[in-house]
Amino acid sequence: MKLIEAITFLTAFIEMKEDSNLLRAAAVLIDASEQTYAPLAAYGQAILAAICFEAGVRLRERVWQLRKRGLEEEDLEYVYDIRAYLKRIADSIESGEYEKSYELMLSRRGK
């Protein structure tokens, strides 16, 4: 799963402080969004792809900032937060909770 791959790169960044890991995480998330947007949009679920895209773009921007001014504590907090959020989504998908929520949403829409 691409989310797990991105989480792995974010964890590597936190541990090693190498911005190349943030760039890898960003690339994985952007790639995942590009691969899944159209199929998810067909089912009215493009929000997950949009979240991945947004996170990827923001991580790439953060790398540019880091390269200009150096690593700061707020950068680590930012990456911790993104990693926690993505982990929660990944756990929800793996447990089946995400799919159940999706099915509930469809039933409410009458589909």
N, C-alpha and C. Protein backbone atom coordinates (compact mmCIF):
# COMPACT_ATOMS: atom_id res chain seq x y z
N MET A 1 0.85 -1.17 0.00
CA MET A 1 0.00 0.00 0.00
C MET A 1 0.90 1.24 0.00
N LYS A 2 0.57 2.18 -0.86
CA LYS A 2 1.37 3.41 -1.00
C LYS A 2 1.42 4.23 0.29
N LEU A 3 0.33 4.23 1.05
CA LEU A 3 0.34 4.99 2.30
C LEU A 3 1.40 4.46 3.25
N ILE A 4 1.53 3.14 3.34
CA ILE A 4 2.54 2.54 4.22
C ILE A 4 3.94 2.91 3.74
N GLU A 5 4.13 2.90 2.43
CA GLU A 5 5.43 3.29 1.88
C GLU A 5 5.75 4.74 2.25
N ALA A 6 4.79 5.63 2.12
CA ALA A 6 5.00 7.03 2.48
C ALA A 6 5.28 7.17 3.98
N ILE A 7 4.54 6.44 4.80
CA ILE A 7 4.74 6.47 6.25
C ILE A 7 6.16 6.01 6.59
N THR A 8 6.64 5.01 5.89
CA THR A 8 8.00 4.50 6.11
C THR A 8 9.03 5.59 5.83
N PHE A 9 8.85 6.32 4.74
CA PHE A 9 9.77 7.42 4.41
C PHE A 9 9.68 8.55 5.43
N LEU A 10 8.48 8.84 5.90
CA LEU A 10 8.33 9.88 6.93
C LEU A 10 9.02 9.47 8.22
N THR A 11 8.89 8.22 8.58
CA THR A 11 9.57 7.71 9.78
C THR A 11 11.08 7.80 9.61
N ALA A 12 11.57 7.46 8.43
CA ALA A 12 13.01 7.56 8.16
C ALA A 12 13.48 9.00 8.29
N PHE A 13 12.67 9.95 7.81
CA PHE A 13 13.04 11.35 7.96
C PHE A 13 13.15 11.73 9.44
N ILE A 14 12.16 11.34 10.21
CA ILE A 14 12.15 11.67 11.64
C ILE A 14 13.39 11.11 12.33
N GLU A 15 13.77 9.90 11.95
CA GLU A 15 14.92 9.25 12.59
C GLU A 15 16.26 9.78 12.09
N MET A 16 16.39 10.03 10.79
CA MET A 16 17.68 10.39 10.20
C MET A 16 17.83 11.86 9.83
N LYS A 17 16.70 12.58 9.77
CA LYS A 17 16.70 14.01 9.43
C LYS A 17 17.24 14.30 8.02
N GLU A 18 17.08 13.35 7.11
CA GLU A 18 17.52 13.52 5.73
C GLU A 18 16.33 13.92 4.87
N ASP A 19 16.42 15.10 4.25
CA ASP A 19 15.27 15.59 3.49
C ASP A 19 14.94 14.74 2.27
N SER A 20 15.87 13.91 1.84
CA SER A 20 15.57 13.03 0.71
C SER A 20 14.42 12.08 1.05
N ASN A 21 14.28 11.72 2.33
CA ASN A 21 13.16 10.87 2.73
C ASN A 21 11.83 11.61 2.62
N LEU A 22 11.83 12.91 2.89
CA LEU A 22 10.60 13.69 2.70
C LEU A 22 10.24 13.77 1.22
N LEU A 23 11.25 13.95 0.38
CA LEU A 23 10.98 14.00 -1.06
C LEU A 23 10.44 12.67 -1.56
N ARG A 24 10.96 11.57 -1.05
CA ARG A 24 10.46 10.25 -1.44
C ARG A 24 9.02 10.07 -0.99
N ALA A 25 8.72 10.46 0.25
CA ALA A 25 7.35 10.37 0.74
C ALA A 25 6.41 11.21 -0.12
N ALA A 26 6.85 12.42 -0.46
CA ALA A 26 6.04 13.31 -1.29
C ALA A 26 5.77 12.68 -2.65
N ALA A 27 6.81 12.11 -3.25
CA ALA A 27 6.66 11.48 -4.57
C ALA A 27 5.69 10.30 -4.51
N VAL A 28 5.78 9.50 -3.47
CA VAL A 28 4.88 8.34 -3.32
C VAL A 28 3.44 8.82 -3.19
N LEU A 29 3.21 9.84 -2.38
CA LEU A 29 1.84 10.34 -2.17
C LEU A 29 1.27 10.96 -3.44
N ILE A 30 2.07 11.74 -4.14
CA ILE A 30 1.60 12.36 -5.38
C ILE A 30 1.31 11.28 -6.42
N ASP A 31 2.20 10.30 -6.52
CA ASP A 31 1.99 9.19 -7.45
C ASP A 31 0.71 8.43 -7.11
N ALA A 32 0.50 8.16 -5.83
CA ALA A 32 -0.72 7.45 -5.41
C ALA A 32 -1.96 8.24 -5.79
N SER A 33 -1.90 9.55 -5.60
CA SER A 33 -3.07 10.37 -5.93
C SER A 33 -3.34 10.36 -7.43
N GLU A 34 -2.29 10.42 -8.23
CA GLU A 34 -2.47 10.41 -9.68
C GLU A 34 -3.02 9.07 -10.18
N GLN A 35 -2.60 7.99 -9.54
CA GLN A 35 -3.07 6.66 -9.94
C GLN A 35 -4.51 6.38 -9.51
N THR A 36 -4.94 7.01 -8.43
CA THR A 36 -6.24 6.64 -7.86
C THR A 36 -7.33 7.68 -8.04
N TYR A 37 -6.99 8.89 -8.44
CA TYR A 37 -8.01 9.94 -8.49
C TYR A 37 -9.18 9.57 -9.39
N ALA A 38 -8.92 9.22 -10.62
CA ALA A 38 -10.01 8.94 -11.56
C ALA A 38 -10.89 7.77 -11.10
N PRO A 39 -10.29 6.63 -10.72
CA PRO A 39 -11.15 5.53 -10.26
C PRO A 39 -11.96 5.89 -9.01
N LEU A 40 -11.33 6.59 -8.08
CA LEU A 40 -12.05 6.97 -6.86
C LEU A 40 -13.14 8.01 -7.15
N ALA A 41 -12.84 8.94 -8.04
CA ALA A 41 -13.82 9.97 -8.40
C ALA A 41 -15.06 9.33 -9.03
N ALA A 42 -14.86 8.26 -9.77
CA ALA A 42 -15.99 7.56 -10.40
C ALA A 42 -16.97 7.03 -9.34
N TYR A 43 -16.47 6.79 -8.14
CA TYR A 43 -17.31 6.31 -7.04
C TYR A 43 -17.59 7.38 -6.00
N GLY A 44 -17.26 8.61 -6.34
CA GLY A 44 -17.52 9.72 -5.42
C GLY A 44 -16.61 9.72 -4.21
N GLN A 45 -15.42 9.14 -4.33
CA GLN A 45 -14.51 9.03 -3.20
C GLN A 45 -13.14 9.62 -3.51
N ALA A 46 -13.08 10.69 -4.26
CA ALA A 46 -11.80 11.27 -4.66
C ALA A 46 -11.09 11.99 -3.53
N ILE A 47 -11.74 12.13 -2.39
CA ILE A 47 -11.15 12.87 -1.29
C ILE A 47 -9.84 12.23 -0.82
N LEU A 48 -9.76 10.91 -0.79
CA LEU A 48 -8.54 10.25 -0.37
C LEU A 48 -7.39 10.58 -1.32
N ALA A 49 -7.65 10.56 -2.60
CA ALA A 49 -6.62 10.92 -3.58
C ALA A 49 -6.22 12.38 -3.41
N ALA A 50 -7.18 13.24 -3.15
CA ALA A 50 -6.89 14.66 -2.96
C ALA A 50 -6.04 14.88 -1.70
N ILE A 51 -6.33 14.14 -0.65
CA ILE A 51 -5.54 14.25 0.58
C ILE A 51 -4.10 13.84 0.31
N CYS A 52 -3.91 12.74 -0.41
CA CYS A 52 -2.56 12.28 -0.73
C CYS A 52 -1.82 13.32 -1.57
N PHE A 53 -2.50 13.90 -2.54
CA PHE A 53 -1.87 14.91 -3.37
C PHE A 53 -1.46 16.12 -2.55
N GLU A 54 -2.38 16.61 -1.74
CA GLU A 54 -2.11 17.79 -0.92
C GLU A 54 -0.94 17.53 0.04
N ALA A 55 -0.94 16.37 0.68
CA ALA A 55 0.16 16.04 1.61
C ALA A 55 1.48 15.97 0.86
N GLY A 56 1.48 15.39 -0.33
CA GLY A 56 2.71 15.30 -1.11
C GLY A 56 3.25 16.66 -1.50
N VAL A 57 2.37 17.52 -1.96
CA VAL A 57 2.79 18.87 -2.36
C VAL A 57 3.32 19.65 -1.15
N ARG A 58 2.63 19.55 -0.03
CA ARG A 58 3.06 20.28 1.18
C ARG A 58 4.40 19.76 1.69
N LEU A 59 4.63 18.45 1.60
CA LEU A 59 5.92 17.91 2.02
C LEU A 59 7.04 18.40 1.12
N ARG A 60 6.76 18.47 -0.17
CA ARG A 60 7.77 18.98 -1.11
C ARG A 60 8.09 20.44 -0.80
N GLU A 61 7.07 21.23 -0.51
CA GLU A 61 7.29 22.63 -0.12
C GLU A 61 8.13 22.72 1.15
N ARG A 62 7.88 21.82 2.08
CA ARG A 62 8.61 21.83 3.35
C ARG A 62 10.10 21.55 3.10
N VAL A 63 10.39 20.67 2.16
CA VAL A 63 11.80 20.38 1.84
C VAL A 63 12.47 21.64 1.32
N TRP A 64 11.80 22.41 0.47
CA TRP A 64 12.40 23.65 -0.04
C TRP A 64 12.68 24.61 1.11
N GLN A 65 11.75 24.68 2.06
CA GLN A 65 11.95 25.54 3.23
C GLN A 65 13.14 25.07 4.06
N LEU A 66 13.23 23.77 4.27
CA LEU A 66 14.33 23.21 5.05
C LEU A 66 15.68 23.53 4.42
N ARG A 67 15.72 23.45 3.13
CA ARG A 67 16.98 23.70 2.43
C ARG A 67 17.39 25.17 2.50
N LYS A 68 16.42 26.05 2.66
CA LYS A 68 16.73 27.48 2.78
C LYS A 68 17.17 27.85 4.18
N ARG A 69 16.51 27.31 5.20
CA ARG A 69 16.73 27.79 6.57
C ARG A 69 17.22 26.74 7.54
N GLY A 70 17.28 25.48 7.13
CA GLY A 70 17.69 24.42 8.04
C GLY A 70 16.50 23.82 8.77
N LEU A 71 16.74 22.69 9.40
CA LEU A 71 15.70 21.95 10.11
C LEU A 71 15.37 22.64 11.43
N GLU A 72 14.08 22.77 11.68
CA GLU A 72 13.60 23.34 12.95
C GLU A 72 12.66 22.34 13.61
N GLU A 73 12.45 22.52 14.90
CA GLU A 73 11.58 21.62 15.66
C GLU A 73 10.17 21.57 15.06
N GLU A 74 9.67 22.69 14.57
CA GLU A 74 8.32 22.70 13.98
C GLU A 74 8.23 21.82 12.74
N ASP A 75 9.35 21.63 12.05
CA ASP A 75 9.36 20.73 10.88
C ASP A 75 9.12 19.29 11.31
N LEU A 76 9.78 18.90 12.39
CA LEU A 76 9.58 17.54 12.91
C LEU A 76 8.15 17.34 13.39
N GLU A 77 7.61 18.33 14.07
CA GLU A 77 6.22 18.25 14.53
C GLU A 77 5.27 18.12 13.35
N TYR A 78 5.53 18.88 12.30
CA TYR A 78 4.71 18.84 11.08
C TYR A 78 4.72 17.43 10.48
N VAL A 79 5.91 16.85 10.38
CA VAL A 79 6.03 15.52 9.80
C VAL A 79 5.39 14.48 10.72
N TYR A 80 5.58 14.61 12.02
CA TYR A 80 4.90 13.71 12.97
C TYR A 80 3.39 13.75 12.74
N ASP A 81 2.83 14.94 12.61
CA ASP A 81 1.38 15.09 12.42
C ASP A 81 0.91 14.44 11.13
N ILE A 82 1.62 14.69 10.05
CA ILE A 82 1.23 14.09 8.76
C ILE A 82 1.34 12.57 8.84
N ARG A 83 2.43 12.08 9.43
CA ARG A 83 2.60 10.64 9.56
C ARG A 83 1.46 10.03 10.38
N ALA A 84 1.09 10.66 11.48
CA ALA A 84 0.01 10.15 12.32
C ALA A 84 -1.31 10.12 11.56
N TYR A 85 -1.58 11.17 10.81
CA TYR A 85 -2.81 11.24 10.03
C TYR A 85 -2.85 10.15 8.96
N LEU A 86 -1.76 9.98 8.22
CA LEU A 86 -1.70 8.95 7.19
C LEU A 86 -1.79 7.55 7.81
N LYS A 87 -1.18 7.38 8.96
CA LYS A 87 -1.23 6.08 9.64
C LYS A 87 -2.66 5.75 10.04
N ARG A 88 -3.37 6.76 10.51
CA ARG A 88 -4.77 6.52 10.88
C ARG A 88 -5.60 6.09 9.67
N ILE A 89 -5.37 6.74 8.54
CA ILE A 89 -6.08 6.36 7.31
C ILE A 89 -5.70 4.95 6.90
N ALA A 90 -4.40 4.65 6.91
CA ALA A 90 -3.94 3.31 6.51
C ALA A 90 -4.52 2.24 7.42
N ASP A 91 -4.52 2.50 8.72
CA ASP A 91 -5.08 1.53 9.67
C ASP A 91 -6.58 1.32 9.41
N SER A 92 -7.27 2.39 9.08
CA SER A 92 -8.70 2.31 8.78
C SER A 92 -8.95 1.47 7.54
N ILE A 93 -8.11 1.63 6.54
CA ILE A 93 -8.24 0.84 5.31
C ILE A 93 -7.95 -0.63 5.61
N GLU A 94 -6.85 -0.89 6.32
CA GLU A 94 -6.46 -2.26 6.62
C GLU A 94 -7.48 -3.00 7.48
N SER A 95 -8.11 -2.29 8.39
CA SER A 95 -9.09 -2.93 9.29
C SER A 95 -10.45 -3.14 8.63
N GLY A 96 -10.66 -2.49 7.49
CA GLY A 96 -11.95 -2.58 6.83
C GLY A 96 -12.91 -1.47 7.24
N GLU A 97 -12.50 -0.67 8.22
CA GLU A 97 -13.34 0.42 8.70
C GLU A 97 -13.64 1.44 7.58
N TYR A 98 -12.64 1.74 6.77
CA TYR A 98 -12.82 2.71 5.68
C TYR A 98 -13.88 2.22 4.70
N GLU A 99 -13.78 0.95 4.33
CA GLU A 99 -14.75 0.39 3.37
C GLU A 99 -16.16 0.37 3.96
N LYS A 100 -16.28 0.03 5.24
CA LYS A 100 -17.59 0.04 5.89
C LYS A 100 -18.19 1.45 5.88
N SER A 101 -17.36 2.43 6.16
CA SER A 101 -17.84 3.82 6.15
C SER A 101 -18.27 4.23 4.75
N TYR A 102 -17.52 3.78 3.76
CA TYR A 102 -17.87 4.08 2.37
C TYR A 102 -19.21 3.44 2.01
N GLU A 103 -19.39 2.19 2.39
CA GLU A 103 -20.65 1.50 2.10
C GLU A 103 -21.82 2.18 2.80
N LEU A 104 -21.61 2.62 4.03
CA LEU A 104 -22.66 3.34 4.75
C LEU A 104 -23.02 4.64 4.03
N MET A 105 -22.01 5.34 3.56
CA MET A 105 -22.25 6.58 2.82
C MET A 105 -23.07 6.29 1.56
N LEU A 106 -22.71 5.23 0.83
CA LEU A 106 -23.45 4.87 -0.37
C LEU A 106 -24.90 4.52 -0.05
N SER A 107 -25.12 3.81 1.04
CA SER A 107 -26.48 3.43 1.40
C SER A 107 -27.31 4.67 1.75
N ARG A 108 -26.68 5.66 2.36
CA ARG A 108 -27.39 6.90 2.68
C ARG A 108 -27.76 7.68 1.42
N ARG A 109 -26.92 7.53 0.41
CA ARG A 109 -27.18 8.19 -0.87
C ARG A 109 -28.18 7.41 -1.72
N GLY A 110 -28.48 6.19 -1.29
CA GLY A 110 -29.42 5.36 -2.05
C GLY A 110 -28.80 4.66 -3.22
N LYS A 111 -27.49 4.42 -3.14
CA LYS A 111 -26.81 3.73 -4.26
C LYS A 111 -26.52 2.30 -3.91
